[in-house]
Amino acid sequence: MKIAFYGSSLVSAYWNGAATYYRGLLRALAEKGYDITFYEPDVYDRQKNRDIDPPEWCRVVVYDGTIDALKTVAARAGEADIVVKASGVGFEDDLLLDEVLRAARPSALKTFWDVDAPATLGELRASPDHPLRQALSAIDLVLTYGGGDPVVNAYRSLGARDCIPIYNALDPMTHHPVAADTRFAADLGFLGNRLPDREARVEHFFLEPAARLPSTNFLLGGSGWSDKPMADNVNYIGHVSTRDHNAFNVTPKAVLNISRASMAENGFSPATRVFEAAGAGACLITDYWEGIELFLKPDEEVLVARDGQDVVDVLAGLTTERAQLIGRKSLDRVLADHTYASRAVTVDAIFRAHAAQRMEAAE
C-alpha cells in the first residue's frame, strides 16, 4: 500500500522532536512492504540543519514554504492508499489538512497523526470552530504519539471515529550502546530544548538540584539555554547533534528525562528520549508521570523522581555499579518490548483492519 505522509521533517531533527518517531515507525513500516512518500516544508532552517540524508526506505519531497507549493504536494495525496496528515507540520497546517482531505481518493484511509496530543486537544477544546475539529468527521482514524485513555476519550468526545495511541519506541539501528565520550562526562546529563512548557520543570528537576549539589557535575545540552542562570557546576554545551545522542546518553553516570508539563499531566506519554536513553544502555532518571510502569519497571529499569529533592536523593545514593545495572536492564526491556518494529506490527494491523472495513462497506 502507498502512504502519503505530510509531517514536519524526516531528514532534520532541528527543532523537530518528532523526527526520531517518524524515522523509527516509517522505516519499520517500509520493511513491512509499505511504499512511503514523506512531504515536508522548507521552514525553520531545518533543511540547513539536516542530520540524515533522504533514506532508501522512503521518498522525501521537500517543498517551498509557499501556498502554491503546498497545494501542489497536497494534490499528490490522490495517489495514495493511506493519507496521513501529522500535527505540527509548521506551515499552514489548517490549509494543508483541508487540501489533503480534498485530494484524497474516497477509498483512501484518511489519518490524522497527532505527535502532541495535549497541545492539540487544548486548542480544539478552546475553539469549537477549529478546522481540525470540524474535519474530524471526515477523518477515518486518529493515531497519537501517546496519551492512553484520557487522549482517546477526549478525541472521541470531539467527534473522532477512532483514536489509537502508538507510543514512542526504540530503533536499535540508530540508538544503541557506544563508547563513552569525555565531552559528555558528568554525574547527571539532561538533553532538551528550552520550551515554555518545559522550562519550569527543568528548573525544578535539574537546575535547582545542581545548585544544591555543588560538588556534583551536571551536563546540559539543547538549544535556547545560553542566557539561563545556572550554577557553576552545570556545563552547558548547546545543541547536540543526533549523531552524538548515544554518546551523550552513555557517558554520564545517569541521564534525566523531564517531560513537558502537558505530557506529564496527561500521563501515558513517554518521550522519545526515554527509549533513546534506554536503547543506549543509560541509567535513566525520569520525572514521574502516570503509566511509566507500562514501559519500564521503576527502581529496576528506571529511576523515578517526583520532585527536585528526589533527584538530589537519587544522585546521592547512586553508585556506578547500580547505574550500570539499571542501564543493562532497561536496554534488555526496550529491545524485548518497545521497538519500532513491534509498533509497526500494531500500525500495520490497524491499517489493514480499516482497509478491510472500507472494502466491506463499498460492496
Foldseek 3Di string as FASTA:
>chain_A
DEEEAEAQDQFFCVVPQCNVVCVQQQLLLLVVPYAYEYEAECDPCRVVHGPHDPDPSYHYHYFYLDPVRLLVSLLCLCVGQEYEYEPPSPHPSLVSLVSNLVNHDPLHQAEYEYAPQLVVLVVCVVDVVPSVLVCQQSHQEYEYQWQPPVSQVSSVVSPHPGYYYLYAADDLVQFAADDADVVQEFQEEEEDADDPQFPVQCCKAPQVLCVVCVVGAYEYEEADCPPPDGDPRYHYDYHDRSNCLLNNLARHLAYEAGDGNSDQASFGHDRNNLNSNLRNLFAYEYEDHPPPCVQANDPQQHDYDPTNVSSNVCSVPDDSVSRNRNSVVSNVRRVVPGGSSVSNVVVVVVSVVVSVVSVVVVD
